[in-house]
Amino acid sequence: MPADDLEALLNPPEYLAEVEDGSPEDQISNQIKNTIAAATDDRYQQALTSSNTVTEMDGQVVRIPGFVVPLEFSDEMVITEFFIVPFFGACLHVPPPPPNQIIHVKYEPGFKLDELYVPFWFSGVLKTSFIENDTAASAYSLAVKHIDQYSEDG
């Protein structure tokens, strides 16, 4: 993601610390409404929905870790289209990350995913391209060449 979006996310506004746990403002539906309402004038809220990309990454060969959010799969549960997201549960249990933190993949050979909470390394050519569906929107796509189970060693 662009440095200014990262900076905004790393330095949330003080009013967020004032939201009391369990209060109406703490509810996800209210957070989404507030995010949409504030997105035009609050830099932090803008970063939460940003589709700004790092244009220098377009066409670069990358290796990136992430979790899979399946979009298309066969009867045999072979996944052929998915999002790569930065944390487990993104798009499934919580609002999706900003589009510039999501990567769309179409992977025709497909692969089987036994458990959603298992991270992977994805290698391939990254493109800046906006893709949106009912699950989320992504600002990048990846032409995957290799998928390896994630390990701390790389």
N, C-alpha and C. Protein backbone atom coordinates (compact mmCIF):
# COMPACT_ATOMS: atom_id res chain seq x y z
N MET A 1 0.84 -1.17 0.00
CA MET A 1 0.00 0.00 0.00
C MET A 1 0.89 1.24 0.00
N PRO A 2 0.38 2.33 -0.49
CA PRO A 2 1.17 3.55 -0.47
C PRO A 2 1.54 3.97 0.95
N ALA A 3 2.68 4.62 1.08
CA ALA A 3 3.20 5.01 2.40
C ALA A 3 2.22 5.91 3.16
N ASP A 4 1.52 6.81 2.47
CA ASP A 4 0.60 7.71 3.19
C ASP A 4 -0.60 6.96 3.76
N ASP A 5 -1.07 5.90 3.08
CA ASP A 5 -2.15 5.08 3.64
C ASP A 5 -1.65 4.32 4.87
N LEU A 6 -0.45 3.76 4.78
CA LEU A 6 0.12 3.05 5.92
C LEU A 6 0.28 3.99 7.11
N GLU A 7 0.79 5.17 6.87
CA GLU A 7 0.97 6.15 7.93
C GLU A 7 -0.36 6.48 8.61
N ALA A 8 -1.41 6.66 7.82
CA ALA A 8 -2.74 6.97 8.39
C ALA A 8 -3.25 5.82 9.24
N LEU A 9 -3.06 4.59 8.78
CA LEU A 9 -3.55 3.43 9.54
C LEU A 9 -2.75 3.19 10.81
N LEU A 10 -1.47 3.51 10.79
CA LEU A 10 -0.63 3.32 11.97
C LEU A 10 -0.85 4.41 13.02
N ASN A 11 -1.50 5.49 12.64
CA ASN A 11 -1.76 6.59 13.56
C ASN A 11 -3.24 6.95 13.57
N PRO A 12 -4.06 6.06 14.13
CA PRO A 12 -5.51 6.32 14.14
C PRO A 12 -5.84 7.58 14.94
N PRO A 13 -6.94 8.22 14.61
CA PRO A 13 -7.34 9.43 15.32
C PRO A 13 -7.70 9.13 16.77
N GLU A 14 -7.56 10.12 17.62
CA GLU A 14 -7.80 9.95 19.06
C GLU A 14 -9.24 9.59 19.38
N TYR A 15 -10.19 10.02 18.54
CA TYR A 15 -11.59 9.74 18.85
C TYR A 15 -11.88 8.24 18.89
N LEU A 16 -11.08 7.41 18.23
CA LEU A 16 -11.30 5.96 18.27
C LEU A 16 -11.04 5.40 19.67
N ALA A 17 -10.10 5.97 20.38
CA ALA A 17 -9.81 5.51 21.74
C ALA A 17 -10.94 5.84 22.71
N GLU A 18 -11.78 6.78 22.32
CA GLU A 18 -12.88 7.20 23.19
C GLU A 18 -14.12 6.33 23.02
N VAL A 19 -14.13 5.41 22.04
CA VAL A 19 -15.28 4.53 21.83
C VAL A 19 -15.25 3.45 22.90
N GLU A 20 -16.32 3.38 23.68
CA GLU A 20 -16.41 2.43 24.79
C GLU A 20 -16.78 1.04 24.27
N ASP A 21 -16.08 0.01 24.76
CA ASP A 21 -16.40 -1.37 24.38
C ASP A 21 -17.86 -1.67 24.67
N GLY A 22 -18.54 -2.25 23.67
CA GLY A 22 -19.94 -2.63 23.83
C GLY A 22 -20.93 -1.52 23.59
N SER A 23 -20.46 -0.30 23.41
CA SER A 23 -21.36 0.82 23.16
C SER A 23 -21.93 0.72 21.74
N PRO A 24 -22.99 1.47 21.44
CA PRO A 24 -23.54 1.44 20.07
C PRO A 24 -22.49 1.80 19.02
N GLU A 25 -21.56 2.71 19.35
CA GLU A 25 -20.52 3.09 18.39
C GLU A 25 -19.53 1.97 18.13
N ASP A 26 -19.48 0.97 19.03
CA ASP A 26 -18.56 -0.15 18.92
C ASP A 26 -19.11 -1.27 18.05
N GLN A 27 -20.38 -1.21 17.69
CA GLN A 27 -21.01 -2.26 16.89
C GLN A 27 -20.54 -2.16 15.44
N ILE A 28 -20.32 -3.31 14.81
CA ILE A 28 -19.77 -3.34 13.44
C ILE A 28 -20.65 -2.56 12.47
N SER A 29 -21.97 -2.71 12.55
CA SER A 29 -22.84 -2.01 11.60
C SER A 29 -22.68 -0.50 11.74
N ASN A 30 -22.57 -0.02 12.96
CA ASN A 30 -22.35 1.42 13.17
C ASN A 30 -20.97 1.85 12.72
N GLN A 31 -19.97 0.98 12.92
CA GLN A 31 -18.62 1.31 12.46
C GLN A 31 -18.59 1.47 10.95
N ILE A 32 -19.29 0.58 10.25
CA ILE A 32 -19.32 0.67 8.78
C ILE A 32 -20.00 1.96 8.35
N LYS A 33 -21.16 2.27 8.96
CA LYS A 33 -21.87 3.52 8.62
C LYS A 33 -20.99 4.73 8.90
N ASN A 34 -20.34 4.74 10.06
CA ASN A 34 -19.47 5.87 10.42
C ASN A 34 -18.28 5.98 9.47
N THR A 35 -17.74 4.84 9.06
CA THR A 35 -16.62 4.85 8.13
C THR A 35 -17.03 5.47 6.81
N ILE A 36 -18.18 5.08 6.30
CA ILE A 36 -18.67 5.62 5.03
C ILE A 36 -18.93 7.12 5.17
N ALA A 37 -19.58 7.51 6.25
CA ALA A 37 -19.90 8.92 6.45
C ALA A 37 -18.65 9.78 6.60
N ALA A 38 -17.63 9.26 7.27
CA ALA A 38 -16.43 10.05 7.54
C ALA A 38 -15.37 9.93 6.46
N ALA A 39 -15.55 9.01 5.52
CA ALA A 39 -14.49 8.72 4.56
C ALA A 39 -14.09 9.91 3.70
N THR A 40 -14.94 10.87 3.56
CA THR A 40 -14.60 11.99 2.70
C THR A 40 -13.68 13.01 3.35
N ASP A 41 -13.66 13.08 4.68
CA ASP A 41 -12.87 14.14 5.30
C ASP A 41 -11.89 13.67 6.37
N ASP A 42 -11.81 12.42 6.66
CA ASP A 42 -10.93 11.89 7.70
C ASP A 42 -9.88 10.99 7.03
N ARG A 43 -8.60 11.34 7.12
CA ARG A 43 -7.54 10.60 6.43
C ARG A 43 -7.48 9.14 6.86
N TYR A 44 -7.70 8.88 8.16
CA TYR A 44 -7.72 7.51 8.66
C TYR A 44 -8.85 6.71 8.01
N GLN A 45 -10.04 7.28 7.97
CA GLN A 45 -11.18 6.60 7.37
C GLN A 45 -10.96 6.39 5.86
N GLN A 46 -10.33 7.35 5.21
CA GLN A 46 -10.01 7.18 3.78
C GLN A 46 -9.09 6.00 3.57
N ALA A 47 -8.10 5.84 4.45
CA ALA A 47 -7.15 4.72 4.33
C ALA A 47 -7.83 3.38 4.54
N LEU A 48 -8.89 3.35 5.35
CA LEU A 48 -9.62 2.10 5.59
C LEU A 48 -10.35 1.58 4.36
N THR A 49 -10.56 2.44 3.37
CA THR A 49 -11.27 2.03 2.16
C THR A 49 -10.44 2.30 0.90
N SER A 50 -9.17 2.55 1.06
CA SER A 50 -8.32 3.00 -0.05
C SER A 50 -8.09 1.92 -1.11
N SER A 51 -8.16 2.34 -2.35
CA SER A 51 -7.76 1.48 -3.46
C SER A 51 -6.52 2.05 -4.15
N ASN A 52 -5.85 2.99 -3.48
CA ASN A 52 -4.59 3.53 -4.02
C ASN A 52 -3.53 2.44 -4.04
N THR A 53 -2.76 2.40 -5.10
CA THR A 53 -1.74 1.36 -5.25
C THR A 53 -0.35 1.98 -5.33
N VAL A 54 0.63 1.12 -5.21
CA VAL A 54 2.02 1.51 -5.44
C VAL A 54 2.30 1.14 -6.90
N THR A 55 2.28 2.13 -7.77
CA THR A 55 2.36 1.86 -9.21
C THR A 55 3.67 1.17 -9.61
N GLU A 56 4.73 1.38 -8.83
CA GLU A 56 6.01 0.73 -9.13
C GLU A 56 5.93 -0.79 -8.98
N MET A 57 4.92 -1.29 -8.29
CA MET A 57 4.76 -2.74 -8.11
C MET A 57 4.12 -3.41 -9.32
N ASP A 58 3.52 -2.63 -10.21
CA ASP A 58 2.86 -3.20 -11.38
C ASP A 58 3.87 -3.94 -12.26
N GLY A 59 3.62 -5.22 -12.47
CA GLY A 59 4.50 -6.03 -13.31
C GLY A 59 5.68 -6.66 -12.58
N GLN A 60 5.78 -6.44 -11.28
CA GLN A 60 6.91 -6.96 -10.51
C GLN A 60 6.68 -8.42 -10.11
N VAL A 61 7.75 -9.20 -10.11
CA VAL A 61 7.71 -10.55 -9.58
C VAL A 61 7.82 -10.44 -8.06
N VAL A 62 6.86 -11.04 -7.35
CA VAL A 62 6.81 -10.91 -5.89
C VAL A 62 6.61 -12.27 -5.25
N ARG A 63 6.92 -12.32 -3.98
CA ARG A 63 6.59 -13.44 -3.11
C ARG A 63 5.98 -12.82 -1.87
N ILE A 64 4.72 -13.15 -1.62
CA ILE A 64 3.98 -12.48 -0.55
C ILE A 64 3.22 -13.52 0.28
N PRO A 65 3.21 -13.33 1.61
CA PRO A 65 2.43 -14.24 2.45
C PRO A 65 0.99 -13.76 2.58
N GLY A 66 0.09 -14.68 2.87
CA GLY A 66 -1.29 -14.29 3.11
C GLY A 66 -2.20 -15.47 3.32
N PHE A 67 -3.46 -15.14 3.55
CA PHE A 67 -4.50 -16.13 3.76
C PHE A 67 -5.43 -16.14 2.56
N VAL A 68 -6.11 -17.25 2.35
CA VAL A 68 -6.98 -17.43 1.19
C VAL A 68 -8.44 -17.21 1.58
N VAL A 69 -9.14 -16.44 0.74
CA VAL A 69 -10.59 -16.33 0.81
C VAL A 69 -11.10 -16.90 -0.51
N PRO A 70 -11.64 -18.12 -0.48
CA PRO A 70 -12.08 -18.76 -1.73
C PRO A 70 -13.24 -18.01 -2.38
N LEU A 71 -13.19 -17.90 -3.71
CA LEU A 71 -14.27 -17.29 -4.47
C LEU A 71 -14.92 -18.30 -5.42
N GLU A 72 -14.11 -19.11 -6.09
CA GLU A 72 -14.59 -20.14 -7.02
C GLU A 72 -13.88 -21.44 -6.72
N PHE A 73 -14.63 -22.54 -6.71
CA PHE A 73 -14.02 -23.86 -6.49
C PHE A 73 -14.89 -24.93 -7.14
N SER A 74 -14.26 -26.07 -7.40
CA SER A 74 -14.94 -27.18 -8.06
C SER A 74 -15.71 -28.02 -7.04
N ASP A 75 -16.44 -29.02 -7.56
CA ASP A 75 -17.15 -29.95 -6.67
C ASP A 75 -16.18 -30.70 -5.77
N GLU A 76 -14.94 -30.85 -6.23
CA GLU A 76 -13.91 -31.54 -5.45
C GLU A 76 -13.20 -30.60 -4.48
N MET A 77 -13.71 -29.37 -4.36
CA MET A 77 -13.16 -28.35 -3.47
C MET A 77 -11.76 -27.88 -3.90
N VAL A 78 -11.50 -27.89 -5.19
CA VAL A 78 -10.27 -27.33 -5.74
C VAL A 78 -10.54 -25.86 -6.04
N ILE A 79 -9.80 -24.97 -5.38
CA ILE A 79 -10.01 -23.53 -5.49
C ILE A 79 -9.31 -23.00 -6.75
N THR A 80 -10.06 -22.30 -7.59
CA THR A 80 -9.49 -21.74 -8.82
C THR A 80 -9.51 -20.22 -8.86
N GLU A 81 -10.25 -19.59 -7.94
CA GLU A 81 -10.26 -18.13 -7.85
C GLU A 81 -10.39 -17.77 -6.38
N PHE A 82 -9.57 -16.79 -5.95
CA PHE A 82 -9.57 -16.43 -4.53
C PHE A 82 -8.95 -15.06 -4.32
N PHE A 83 -9.13 -14.54 -3.12
CA PHE A 83 -8.45 -13.35 -2.67
C PHE A 83 -7.33 -13.77 -1.73
N ILE A 84 -6.21 -13.07 -1.80
CA ILE A 84 -5.16 -13.18 -0.79
C ILE A 84 -5.38 -11.99 0.15
N VAL A 85 -5.50 -12.29 1.44
CA VAL A 85 -5.74 -11.24 2.43
C VAL A 85 -4.66 -11.30 3.51
N PRO A 86 -4.44 -10.19 4.22
CA PRO A 86 -3.32 -10.12 5.16
C PRO A 86 -3.54 -10.80 6.51
N PHE A 87 -4.79 -11.14 6.85
CA PHE A 87 -5.01 -11.79 8.14
C PHE A 87 -6.17 -12.76 8.04
N PHE A 88 -6.14 -13.77 8.90
CA PHE A 88 -7.19 -14.78 8.92
C PHE A 88 -8.54 -14.16 9.27
N GLY A 89 -9.57 -14.58 8.55
CA GLY A 89 -10.92 -14.10 8.81
C GLY A 89 -11.31 -12.87 8.03
N ALA A 90 -10.35 -12.25 7.35
CA ALA A 90 -10.66 -11.06 6.56
C ALA A 90 -11.70 -11.43 5.50
N CYS A 91 -12.70 -10.61 5.34
CA CYS A 91 -13.80 -10.78 4.38
C CYS A 91 -14.82 -11.80 4.85
N LEU A 92 -14.50 -12.61 5.85
CA LEU A 92 -15.43 -13.65 6.30
C LEU A 92 -16.13 -13.26 7.59
N HIS A 93 -15.37 -12.84 8.59
CA HIS A 93 -15.94 -12.56 9.90
C HIS A 93 -15.92 -11.08 10.26
N VAL A 94 -15.19 -10.30 9.53
CA VAL A 94 -15.08 -8.87 9.80
C VAL A 94 -15.17 -8.13 8.47
N PRO A 95 -15.37 -6.83 8.50
CA PRO A 95 -15.35 -6.10 7.23
C PRO A 95 -14.02 -6.34 6.51
N PRO A 96 -14.03 -6.36 5.18
CA PRO A 96 -12.79 -6.63 4.46
C PRO A 96 -11.76 -5.54 4.65
N PRO A 97 -10.48 -5.90 4.49
CA PRO A 97 -9.44 -4.87 4.51
C PRO A 97 -9.63 -3.93 3.32
N PRO A 98 -8.90 -2.82 3.31
CA PRO A 98 -8.97 -1.93 2.14
C PRO A 98 -8.57 -2.68 0.86
N PRO A 99 -9.10 -2.27 -0.28
CA PRO A 99 -8.74 -2.93 -1.54
C PRO A 99 -7.23 -3.00 -1.79
N ASN A 100 -6.47 -2.01 -1.28
CA ASN A 100 -5.03 -2.05 -1.53
C ASN A 100 -4.29 -3.00 -0.59
N GLN A 101 -5.05 -3.78 0.20
CA GLN A 101 -4.47 -4.84 1.01
C GLN A 101 -4.98 -6.22 0.58
N ILE A 102 -5.72 -6.25 -0.53
CA ILE A 102 -6.30 -7.50 -1.04
C ILE A 102 -5.79 -7.74 -2.45
N ILE A 103 -5.43 -9.00 -2.73
CA ILE A 103 -4.94 -9.38 -4.05
C ILE A 103 -5.87 -10.44 -4.63
N HIS A 104 -6.34 -10.21 -5.85
CA HIS A 104 -7.22 -11.16 -6.54
C HIS A 104 -6.38 -12.14 -7.35
N VAL A 105 -6.78 -13.42 -7.31
CA VAL A 105 -6.05 -14.46 -8.04
C VAL A 105 -7.03 -15.37 -8.78
N LYS A 106 -6.73 -15.61 -10.05
CA LYS A 106 -7.35 -16.71 -10.81
C LYS A 106 -6.23 -17.70 -11.05
N TYR A 107 -6.42 -18.92 -10.57
CA TYR A 107 -5.37 -19.94 -10.63
C TYR A 107 -5.97 -21.21 -11.20
N GLU A 108 -5.91 -21.32 -12.54
CA GLU A 108 -6.58 -22.41 -13.24
C GLU A 108 -6.16 -23.81 -12.81
N PRO A 109 -4.88 -24.07 -12.48
CA PRO A 109 -4.59 -25.42 -11.99
C PRO A 109 -5.36 -25.72 -10.71
N GLY A 110 -5.63 -24.67 -9.95
CA GLY A 110 -6.34 -24.82 -8.69
C GLY A 110 -5.51 -25.51 -7.63
N PHE A 111 -5.99 -25.43 -6.41
CA PHE A 111 -5.34 -26.14 -5.31
C PHE A 111 -6.37 -26.40 -4.23
N LYS A 112 -6.10 -27.41 -3.44
CA LYS A 112 -7.00 -27.76 -2.34
C LYS A 112 -6.57 -27.01 -1.08
N LEU A 113 -7.55 -26.55 -0.37
CA LEU A 113 -7.30 -25.85 0.88
C LEU A 113 -8.03 -26.61 1.98
N ASP A 114 -7.26 -27.20 2.88
CA ASP A 114 -7.87 -27.99 3.95
C ASP A 114 -8.44 -27.13 5.06
N GLU A 115 -7.76 -26.03 5.38
CA GLU A 115 -8.19 -25.17 6.48
C GLU A 115 -7.94 -23.71 6.14
N LEU A 116 -8.92 -22.85 6.37
CA LEU A 116 -8.80 -21.43 6.03
C LEU A 116 -7.76 -20.69 6.85
N TYR A 117 -7.45 -21.17 8.04
CA TYR A 117 -6.54 -20.45 8.92
C TYR A 117 -5.06 -20.72 8.63
N VAL A 118 -4.77 -21.48 7.57
CA VAL A 118 -3.39 -21.80 7.22
C VAL A 118 -2.88 -20.75 6.22
N PRO A 119 -1.80 -20.05 6.54
CA PRO A 119 -1.23 -19.06 5.61
C PRO A 119 -0.35 -19.74 4.56
N PHE A 120 -0.16 -19.03 3.45
CA PHE A 120 0.65 -19.53 2.34
C PHE A 120 1.59 -18.43 1.85
N TRP A 121 2.61 -18.84 1.12
CA TRP A 121 3.44 -17.94 0.33
C TRP A 121 2.93 -18.03 -1.10
N PHE A 122 2.73 -16.89 -1.75
CA PHE A 122 2.29 -16.84 -3.14
C PHE A 122 3.36 -16.13 -3.94
N SER A 123 3.81 -16.77 -5.03
CA SER A 123 4.82 -16.18 -5.90
C SER A 123 4.22 -15.99 -7.29
N GLY A 124 4.56 -14.86 -7.92
CA GLY A 124 4.07 -14.60 -9.26
C GLY A 124 4.26 -13.14 -9.64
N VAL A 125 3.56 -12.74 -10.69
CA VAL A 125 3.66 -11.37 -11.20
C VAL A 125 2.47 -10.57 -10.70
N LEU A 126 2.76 -9.47 -10.00
CA LEU A 126 1.74 -8.60 -9.43
C LEU A 126 1.32 -7.55 -10.45
N LYS A 127 0.02 -7.29 -10.51
CA LYS A 127 -0.53 -6.25 -11.38
C LYS A 127 -1.42 -5.33 -10.56
N THR A 128 -1.42 -4.06 -10.92
CA THR A 128 -2.38 -3.15 -10.32
C THR A 128 -3.64 -3.22 -11.17
N SER A 129 -4.69 -3.78 -10.61
CA SER A 129 -5.96 -3.89 -11.33
C SER A 129 -7.09 -4.00 -10.31
N PHE A 130 -8.10 -3.17 -10.49
CA PHE A 130 -9.22 -3.13 -9.55
C PHE A 130 -10.24 -4.18 -9.92
N ILE A 131 -10.57 -5.03 -8.95
CA ILE A 131 -11.56 -6.09 -9.14
C ILE A 131 -12.50 -6.04 -7.96
N GLU A 132 -13.80 -6.10 -8.25
CA GLU A 132 -14.79 -6.03 -7.19
C GLU A 132 -15.83 -7.12 -7.38
N ASN A 133 -16.23 -7.75 -6.26
CA ASN A 133 -17.33 -8.70 -6.31
C ASN A 133 -18.13 -8.57 -5.02
N ASP A 134 -19.03 -9.51 -4.76
CA ASP A 134 -19.88 -9.42 -3.58
C ASP A 134 -19.12 -9.57 -2.27
N THR A 135 -17.95 -10.20 -2.31
CA THR A 135 -17.17 -10.44 -1.10
C THR A 135 -16.33 -9.23 -0.72
N ALA A 136 -15.63 -8.66 -1.69
CA ALA A 136 -14.72 -7.54 -1.42
C ALA A 136 -14.25 -6.94 -2.74
N ALA A 137 -13.36 -5.96 -2.62
CA ALA A 137 -12.71 -5.37 -3.79
C ALA A 137 -11.21 -5.46 -3.58
N SER A 138 -10.48 -5.64 -4.67
CA SER A 138 -9.02 -5.69 -4.58
C SER A 138 -8.42 -4.70 -5.57
N ALA A 139 -7.28 -4.15 -5.21
CA ALA A 139 -6.60 -3.18 -6.07
C ALA A 139 -5.43 -3.83 -6.81
N TYR A 140 -5.17 -5.10 -6.51
CA TYR A 140 -4.08 -5.83 -7.16
C TYR A 140 -4.58 -7.20 -7.63
N SER A 141 -3.88 -7.76 -8.60
CA SER A 141 -4.09 -9.15 -8.99
C SER A 141 -2.72 -9.79 -9.09
N LEU A 142 -2.70 -11.11 -9.01
CA LEU A 142 -1.44 -11.85 -9.04
C LEU A 142 -1.58 -13.02 -9.99
N ALA A 143 -0.65 -13.11 -10.95
CA ALA A 143 -0.55 -14.29 -11.81
C ALA A 143 0.36 -15.26 -11.07
N VAL A 144 -0.24 -16.19 -10.35
CA VAL A 144 0.49 -17.09 -9.46
C VAL A 144 1.29 -18.12 -10.24
N LYS A 145 2.55 -18.28 -9.84
CA LYS A 145 3.43 -19.32 -10.39
C LYS A 145 3.64 -20.45 -9.39
N HIS A 146 3.71 -20.08 -8.07
CA HIS A 146 3.95 -21.07 -7.03
C HIS A 146 3.15 -20.73 -5.79
N ILE A 147 2.66 -21.77 -5.11
CA ILE A 147 2.01 -21.62 -3.82
C ILE A 147 2.70 -22.59 -2.87
N ASP A 148 3.18 -22.06 -1.76
CA ASP A 148 3.84 -22.89 -0.75
C ASP A 148 3.23 -22.60 0.60
N GLN A 149 3.16 -23.61 1.46
CA GLN A 149 2.67 -23.37 2.81
C GLN A 149 3.64 -22.42 3.51
N TYR A 150 3.10 -21.50 4.26
CA TYR A 150 3.88 -20.48 4.94
C TYR A 150 4.73 -21.10 6.06
N SER A 151 5.95 -20.58 6.19
CA SER A 151 6.78 -20.88 7.34
C SER A 151 7.55 -19.62 7.69
N GLU A 152 7.91 -19.47 8.94
CA GLU A 152 8.65 -18.29 9.38
C GLU A 152 10.01 -18.17 8.68
N ASP A 153 10.58 -19.31 8.31
CA ASP A 153 11.89 -19.33 7.65
C ASP A 153 11.82 -18.84 6.22
N GLY A 154 10.65 -18.79 5.67
CA GLY A 154 10.50 -18.37 4.28
C GLY A 154 10.36 -19.53 3.43
